[in-house]
Amino acid sequence: MSFFSRFKSFMKQEPEEQIAGYSISELKTIFADPSTSEISRLPYYPKTSSLEGLGIPAFYSSFLIEHADTHKFLAFVEANFKYTSEKTFNELPAKHYVNDEKNEQLVFFTSTREFNSTTVRMVTNSIDFMNVILRENFAPPPPWIAFEGYNPSW
């Protein structure tokens, strides 16, 4: 292989896959301790996927909430976790929180760029926090709000 071929292959490397703004290797470091929670205890909303297949003992969830509920969601985060760090992902802050007492982690970011609402993308090993979100009953915005120009009578 020539020098130029090696240089070209080096420059064409794919970016590392990101989940909620963190790479898989970063998430494996954050969620190092196996989850003691049972997947059967996961709430039905928001829709949650296990990351066990990637070697990460945590769950991923992505859901929409109305802009007005964003402050309430952030208040629940602050009430259940302690802020540890932040990094930028797609020009948005992806934040890492921890609950040392329960050995629980939360990584998330919010975006207001899509659907005239707030999109929350998060990774956590806290089923208790997922149940807090379920009990709050965050609702996605109605279609006439989410999609600009959508007539409510349709």
Protein backbone atom coordinates (compact mmCIF):
# COMPACT_ATOMS: atom_id res chain seq x y z
CA MET A 1 0.00 0.00 0.00
CA SER A 2 1.43 3.33 -1.01
CA PHE A 3 1.89 6.25 1.34
CA PHE A 4 -0.92 8.16 -0.37
CA SER A 5 -3.33 5.21 -0.07
CA ARG A 6 -2.65 4.90 3.66
CA PHE A 7 -3.03 8.65 4.12
CA LYS A 8 -6.30 8.63 2.14
CA SER A 9 -7.73 5.72 4.17
CA PHE A 10 -6.72 7.48 7.39
CA MET A 11 -8.46 10.69 6.33
CA LYS A 12 -11.65 8.84 5.26
CA GLN A 13 -12.26 7.19 8.64
CA GLU A 14 -15.88 7.20 9.66
CA PRO A 15 -16.82 9.27 12.70
CA GLU A 16 -17.50 7.23 15.84
CA GLU A 17 -21.18 6.45 16.48
CA GLN A 18 -22.80 8.78 19.02
CA ILE A 19 -25.74 8.13 21.33
CA ALA A 20 -27.12 11.23 23.06
CA GLY A 21 -23.88 13.04 22.26
CA TYR A 22 -21.50 10.42 23.69
CA SER A 23 -19.55 7.71 21.88
CA ILE A 24 -20.15 4.07 22.70
CA SER A 25 -16.74 3.83 24.38
CA GLU A 26 -17.54 6.91 26.53
CA LEU A 27 -20.90 5.40 27.52
CA LYS A 28 -19.20 2.12 28.45
CA THR A 29 -16.96 4.12 30.80
CA ILE A 30 -19.85 6.11 32.30
CA PHE A 31 -22.08 3.06 32.74
CA ALA A 32 -19.31 0.75 33.95
CA ASP A 33 -21.30 -0.98 36.71
CA PRO A 34 -23.90 -3.49 35.54
CA SER A 35 -27.46 -2.35 36.04
CA THR A 36 -29.25 -4.07 38.87
CA SER A 37 -32.66 -3.05 37.56
CA GLU A 38 -34.91 -5.45 35.75
CA ILE A 39 -35.90 -4.56 32.19
CA SER A 40 -39.41 -5.79 32.98
CA ARG A 41 -39.79 -2.79 35.33
CA LEU A 42 -39.31 -0.29 32.49
CA PRO A 43 -42.27 2.03 31.98
CA TYR A 44 -44.21 1.85 28.72
CA TYR A 45 -43.60 5.57 28.04
CA PRO A 46 -41.34 7.01 26.93
CA LYS A 47 -40.36 4.21 24.56
CA THR A 48 -37.08 2.82 25.83
CA SER A 49 -34.46 0.55 24.29
CA SER A 50 -31.83 -1.48 26.10
CA LEU A 51 -28.19 -0.81 25.15
CA GLU A 52 -27.03 -4.15 26.61
CA GLY A 53 -26.33 -5.42 23.08
CA LEU A 54 -23.66 -2.71 22.77
CA GLY A 55 -22.14 -3.65 26.12
CA ILE A 56 -23.70 -0.65 27.89
CA PRO A 57 -25.81 -1.54 30.96
CA ALA A 58 -28.30 1.29 30.36
CA PHE A 59 -31.37 2.33 28.39
CA TYR A 60 -31.87 4.85 25.57
CA SER A 61 -34.98 6.96 25.15
CA SER A 62 -35.97 9.75 22.79
CA PHE A 63 -39.24 11.66 23.08
CA LEU A 64 -40.94 14.98 22.34
CA ILE A 65 -42.34 17.36 24.93
CA GLU A 66 -43.88 20.78 24.63
CA HIS A 67 -41.54 23.74 25.08
CA ALA A 68 -43.44 24.71 28.24
CA ASP A 69 -42.56 21.33 29.84
CA THR A 70 -38.80 21.67 29.27
CA HIS A 71 -38.24 23.51 32.57
CA LYS A 72 -40.24 20.85 34.42
CA PHE A 73 -38.13 18.07 32.86
CA LEU A 74 -34.90 19.87 33.81
CA ALA A 75 -36.20 20.35 37.36
CA PHE A 76 -36.76 16.57 37.62
CA VAL A 77 -33.21 15.99 36.40
CA GLU A 78 -31.81 18.39 39.01
CA ALA A 79 -33.96 16.82 41.76
CA ASN A 80 -32.76 13.28 41.01
CA PHE A 81 -29.16 13.76 39.86
CA LYS A 82 -26.09 15.93 40.37
CA TYR A 83 -24.45 17.63 37.38
CA THR A 84 -20.95 16.35 36.58
CA SER A 85 -19.93 17.40 33.07
CA GLU A 86 -20.97 18.67 29.67
CA LYS A 87 -19.76 18.40 26.11
CA THR A 88 -20.94 19.81 22.81
CA PHE A 89 -22.74 17.59 20.29
CA ASN A 90 -24.14 19.11 17.09
CA GLU A 91 -23.78 22.54 18.70
CA LEU A 92 -25.96 21.44 21.65
CA PRO A 93 -24.86 20.75 25.23
CA ALA A 94 -24.90 17.02 26.06
CA LYS A 95 -24.87 16.73 29.84
CA HIS A 96 -23.81 13.99 32.26
CA TYR A 97 -25.49 13.70 35.66
CA VAL A 98 -24.95 11.19 38.46
CA ASN A 99 -26.80 9.99 41.55
CA ASP A 100 -24.02 8.59 43.76
CA GLU A 101 -26.42 7.24 46.41
CA LYS A 102 -28.18 4.95 43.93
CA ASN A 103 -25.22 4.48 41.54
CA GLU A 104 -27.33 5.89 38.70
CA GLN A 105 -26.20 7.86 35.69
CA LEU A 106 -27.98 10.11 33.20
CA VAL A 107 -26.65 11.45 29.91
CA PHE A 108 -28.98 13.63 27.86
CA PHE A 109 -29.43 16.57 25.59
CA THR A 110 -32.45 18.57 24.48
CA SER A 111 -33.06 20.16 21.13
CA THR A 112 -35.64 22.73 20.08
CA ARG A 113 -34.74 22.55 16.40
CA GLU A 114 -37.36 20.06 15.28
CA PHE A 115 -41.16 19.92 15.30
CA ASN A 116 -41.74 23.21 17.18
CA SER A 117 -41.20 21.29 20.41
CA THR A 118 -38.38 19.99 22.59
CA THR A 119 -36.78 16.67 21.73
CA VAL A 120 -35.16 14.87 24.66
CA ARG A 121 -32.56 12.18 23.93
CA MET A 122 -31.18 10.39 26.95
CA VAL A 123 -29.28 7.36 28.23
CA THR A 124 -29.80 6.26 31.82
CA ASN A 125 -29.65 3.24 34.08
CA SER A 126 -32.28 4.73 36.40
CA ILE A 127 -35.65 3.04 36.10
CA ASP A 128 -36.82 5.25 38.96
CA PHE A 129 -36.14 8.35 36.86
CA MET A 130 -37.93 6.80 33.88
CA ASN A 131 -40.94 6.24 36.16
CA VAL A 132 -40.79 9.91 37.26
CA ILE A 133 -41.12 10.88 33.60
CA LEU A 134 -44.02 8.45 33.16
CA ARG A 135 -45.87 9.82 36.21
CA GLU A 136 -45.45 13.39 34.97
CA ASN A 137 -47.24 12.36 31.79
CA PHE A 138 -45.27 14.61 29.44
CA ALA A 139 -47.19 14.85 26.21
CA PRO A 140 -45.94 15.54 22.72
CA PRO A 141 -47.28 18.71 21.17
CA PRO A 142 -50.40 18.41 19.00
CA PRO A 143 -49.78 18.18 15.24
CA TRP A 144 -50.94 21.75 14.53
CA ILE A 145 -48.20 22.98 16.89
CA ALA A 146 -45.47 20.49 15.91
CA PHE A 147 -45.89 20.97 12.17
CA GLU A 148 -45.98 24.58 11.11
CA GLY A 149 -48.87 25.31 8.75
CA TYR A 150 -50.81 22.17 9.78
CA ASN A 151 -54.49 23.00 9.98
CA PRO A 152 -56.03 21.69 13.25
CA SER A 153 -59.25 20.77 11.43
CA TRP A 154 -57.39 18.24 9.27
